[in-house]
């Protein structure tokens, strides 16, 4: 079975946690709160993340942070 065109590499929860330098439990919490990167739930316990979705989520978070950082004069 091949991955459909347009779907990037799929990562496990552990791989994404390592990529983001966070604990898997934090990633799970982000998922539960619907504040983390988009994910694919293949079964009750089988979660995968598209690497492109993770990168897009990071860029969005960086832009949000820039909006709230004080400007130094």
N, C-alpha and C. Protein backbone atom coordinates (compact mmCIF):
# COMPACT_ATOMS: atom_id res chain seq x y z
N UNK A 1 0.84 -1.18 0.00
CA UNK A 1 0.00 0.00 0.00
C UNK A 1 0.88 1.24 0.00
N UNK A 2 0.60 2.16 -0.88
CA UNK A 2 1.41 3.38 -0.95
C UNK A 2 0.66 4.54 -0.30
N UNK A 3 1.42 5.52 0.14
CA UNK A 3 0.83 6.72 0.75
C UNK A 3 0.33 7.62 -0.38
N UNK A 4 -0.90 8.16 -0.24
CA UNK A 4 -1.45 9.00 -1.30
C UNK A 4 -0.57 10.21 -1.60
N UNK A 5 -0.59 10.65 -2.84
CA UNK A 5 0.16 11.83 -3.26
C UNK A 5 -0.25 13.02 -2.40
N UNK A 6 0.71 13.81 -1.98
CA UNK A 6 0.42 14.99 -1.18
C UNK A 6 0.57 14.76 0.32
N UNK A 7 0.63 13.50 0.73
CA UNK A 7 0.84 13.20 2.15
C UNK A 7 2.34 13.03 2.34
N UNK A 8 2.91 13.85 3.22
CA UNK A 8 4.34 13.74 3.49
C UNK A 8 4.64 12.53 4.36
N UNK A 9 5.84 12.46 4.82
CA UNK A 9 6.27 11.36 5.69
C UNK A 9 5.46 11.39 6.98
N UNK A 10 4.97 10.24 7.40
CA UNK A 10 4.21 10.13 8.63
C UNK A 10 5.13 9.75 9.77
N UNK A 11 5.00 10.48 10.87
CA UNK A 11 5.84 10.27 12.05
C UNK A 11 5.02 9.72 13.20
N UNK A 12 5.66 8.95 14.05
CA UNK A 12 5.01 8.47 15.27
C UNK A 12 4.98 9.60 16.30
N UNK A 13 4.21 9.39 17.36
CA UNK A 13 4.15 10.37 18.44
C UNK A 13 5.54 10.58 19.05
N UNK A 14 6.28 9.51 19.22
CA UNK A 14 7.62 9.59 19.79
C UNK A 14 8.56 10.39 18.89
N UNK A 15 8.48 10.17 17.59
CA UNK A 15 9.34 10.90 16.65
C UNK A 15 9.03 12.40 16.66
N UNK A 16 7.74 12.74 16.73
CA UNK A 16 7.36 14.16 16.76
C UNK A 16 7.81 14.79 18.08
N UNK A 17 7.63 14.09 19.17
CA UNK A 17 8.09 14.60 20.47
C UNK A 17 9.59 14.87 20.43
N UNK A 18 10.36 13.94 19.88
CA UNK A 18 11.81 14.13 19.74
C UNK A 18 12.11 15.34 18.86
N UNK A 19 11.40 15.46 17.75
CA UNK A 19 11.60 16.56 16.81
C UNK A 19 11.35 17.91 17.48
N UNK A 20 10.32 17.95 18.34
CA UNK A 20 9.96 19.20 19.03
C UNK A 20 10.69 19.38 20.36
N UNK A 21 11.49 18.38 20.74
CA UNK A 21 12.23 18.40 22.02
C UNK A 21 11.28 18.54 23.22
N UNK A 22 10.20 17.77 23.18
CA UNK A 22 9.25 17.74 24.28
C UNK A 22 8.97 16.28 24.64
N UNK A 23 8.36 16.07 25.78
CA UNK A 23 7.98 14.73 26.20
C UNK A 23 6.73 14.29 25.42
N UNK A 24 6.60 13.01 25.13
CA UNK A 24 5.38 12.52 24.47
C UNK A 24 4.11 12.88 25.23
N UNK A 25 4.19 12.95 26.56
CA UNK A 25 3.01 13.30 27.35
C UNK A 25 2.55 14.73 27.07
N UNK A 26 3.49 15.62 26.79
CA UNK A 26 3.13 17.00 26.44
C UNK A 26 2.46 17.03 25.08
N UNK A 27 2.97 16.26 24.15
CA UNK A 27 2.35 16.17 22.82
C UNK A 27 0.93 15.61 22.93
N UNK A 28 0.76 14.62 23.79
CA UNK A 28 -0.58 14.05 24.00
C UNK A 28 -1.52 15.09 24.59
N UNK A 29 -1.01 15.89 25.51
CA UNK A 29 -1.82 16.95 26.11
C UNK A 29 -2.21 18.00 25.06
N UNK A 30 -1.27 18.37 24.21
CA UNK A 30 -1.57 19.31 23.13
C UNK A 30 -2.65 18.75 22.21
N UNK A 31 -2.57 17.47 21.94
CA UNK A 31 -3.57 16.81 21.09
C UNK A 31 -4.93 16.82 21.78
N UNK A 32 -4.97 16.50 23.06
CA UNK A 32 -6.23 16.48 23.83
C UNK A 32 -6.87 17.86 23.88
N UNK A 33 -6.04 18.89 23.99
CA UNK A 33 -6.54 20.27 24.06
C UNK A 33 -6.79 20.88 22.68
N UNK A 34 -6.49 20.10 21.64
CA UNK A 34 -6.62 20.56 20.25
C UNK A 34 -5.80 21.83 19.98
N UNK A 35 -4.60 21.88 20.58
CA UNK A 35 -3.71 23.02 20.38
C UNK A 35 -2.40 22.62 19.73
N UNK A 36 -2.25 21.35 19.42
CA UNK A 36 -1.01 20.85 18.82
C UNK A 36 -1.14 20.72 17.32
N UNK A 37 -0.13 20.14 16.70
CA UNK A 37 -0.16 19.94 15.26
C UNK A 37 -1.26 18.96 14.85
N UNK A 38 -1.72 19.08 13.62
CA UNK A 38 -2.72 18.16 13.08
C UNK A 38 -2.16 16.74 13.13
N UNK A 39 -3.04 15.78 13.33
CA UNK A 39 -2.61 14.39 13.41
C UNK A 39 -3.63 13.50 12.71
N UNK A 40 -3.22 12.28 12.47
CA UNK A 40 -4.07 11.28 11.85
C UNK A 40 -4.24 10.16 12.87
N UNK A 41 -5.48 9.85 13.20
CA UNK A 41 -5.74 8.76 14.14
C UNK A 41 -6.18 7.54 13.34
N UNK A 42 -5.27 6.59 13.20
CA UNK A 42 -5.54 5.40 12.41
C UNK A 42 -6.32 4.36 13.19
N UNK A 43 -6.19 4.37 14.51
CA UNK A 43 -6.98 3.52 15.40
C UNK A 43 -6.95 4.18 16.77
N UNK A 44 -7.55 3.53 17.75
CA UNK A 44 -7.63 4.12 19.08
C UNK A 44 -6.26 4.52 19.63
N UNK A 45 -5.25 3.70 19.39
CA UNK A 45 -3.92 3.96 19.94
C UNK A 45 -2.88 4.31 18.88
N UNK A 46 -3.26 4.30 17.62
CA UNK A 46 -2.30 4.52 16.54
C UNK A 46 -2.45 5.93 15.97
N UNK A 47 -1.54 6.81 16.40
CA UNK A 47 -1.55 8.21 15.99
C UNK A 47 -0.33 8.46 15.12
N UNK A 48 -0.52 9.19 14.03
CA UNK A 48 0.58 9.57 13.16
C UNK A 48 0.47 11.05 12.83
N UNK A 49 1.61 11.65 12.56
CA UNK A 49 1.69 13.06 12.21
C UNK A 49 2.37 13.20 10.87
N UNK A 50 1.84 14.08 10.04
CA UNK A 50 2.48 14.42 8.77
C UNK A 50 3.56 15.45 9.09
N UNK A 51 4.77 15.21 8.69
CA UNK A 51 5.88 16.11 9.01
C UNK A 51 5.60 17.53 8.53
N UNK A 52 4.93 17.67 7.40
CA UNK A 52 4.62 19.01 6.89
C UNK A 52 3.62 19.73 7.79
N UNK A 53 2.67 19.00 8.37
CA UNK A 53 1.73 19.60 9.32
C UNK A 53 2.44 20.07 10.58
N UNK A 54 3.41 19.29 11.02
CA UNK A 54 4.18 19.65 12.22
C UNK A 54 4.97 20.93 11.95
N UNK A 55 5.62 21.00 10.80
CA UNK A 55 6.38 22.20 10.45
C UNK A 55 5.48 23.42 10.32
N UNK A 56 4.32 23.25 9.71
CA UNK A 56 3.36 24.35 9.56
C UNK A 56 2.88 24.84 10.92
N UNK A 57 2.63 23.92 11.85
CA UNK A 57 2.21 24.28 13.20
C UNK A 57 3.30 25.07 13.91
N UNK A 58 4.56 24.66 13.73
CA UNK A 58 5.68 25.39 14.34
C UNK A 58 5.77 26.82 13.82
N UNK A 59 5.64 26.98 12.53
CA UNK A 59 5.69 28.33 11.92
C UNK A 59 4.57 29.19 12.48
N UNK A 60 3.38 28.63 12.58
CA UNK A 60 2.23 29.36 13.13
C UNK A 60 2.51 29.80 14.56
N UNK A 61 3.07 28.89 15.38
CA UNK A 61 3.37 29.23 16.77
C UNK A 61 4.44 30.32 16.85
N UNK A 62 5.42 30.28 15.96
CA UNK A 62 6.46 31.30 15.94
C UNK A 62 5.86 32.66 15.61
N UNK A 63 4.95 32.70 14.64
CA UNK A 63 4.31 33.97 14.26
C UNK A 63 3.45 34.51 15.39
N UNK A 64 2.73 33.62 16.08
CA UNK A 64 1.92 34.04 17.23
C UNK A 64 2.80 34.65 18.31
N UNK A 65 3.93 34.06 18.54
CA UNK A 65 4.84 34.56 19.58
C UNK A 65 5.38 35.94 19.20
N UNK A 66 5.71 36.12 17.93
CA UNK A 66 6.22 37.41 17.46
C UNK A 66 5.21 38.52 17.69
N UNK A 67 3.93 38.21 17.60
CA UNK A 67 2.88 39.22 17.79
C UNK A 67 2.87 39.74 19.22
N UNK A 68 3.24 38.90 20.17
CA UNK A 68 3.14 39.27 21.58
C UNK A 68 4.46 39.66 22.22
N UNK A 69 5.54 39.60 21.49
CA UNK A 69 6.82 40.01 22.06
C UNK A 69 6.92 41.52 22.04
N UNK A 70 7.42 42.10 23.13
CA UNK A 70 7.56 43.57 23.17
C UNK A 70 8.61 44.04 22.17
N UNK A 71 8.37 45.21 21.64
CA UNK A 71 9.31 45.80 20.69
C UNK A 71 10.35 46.58 21.48
N UNK A 72 11.64 46.31 21.21
CA UNK A 72 12.73 47.03 21.88
C UNK A 72 13.11 48.24 21.05
N UNK A 73 13.10 49.38 21.69
CA UNK A 73 13.48 50.62 20.98
C UNK A 73 14.89 51.02 21.30
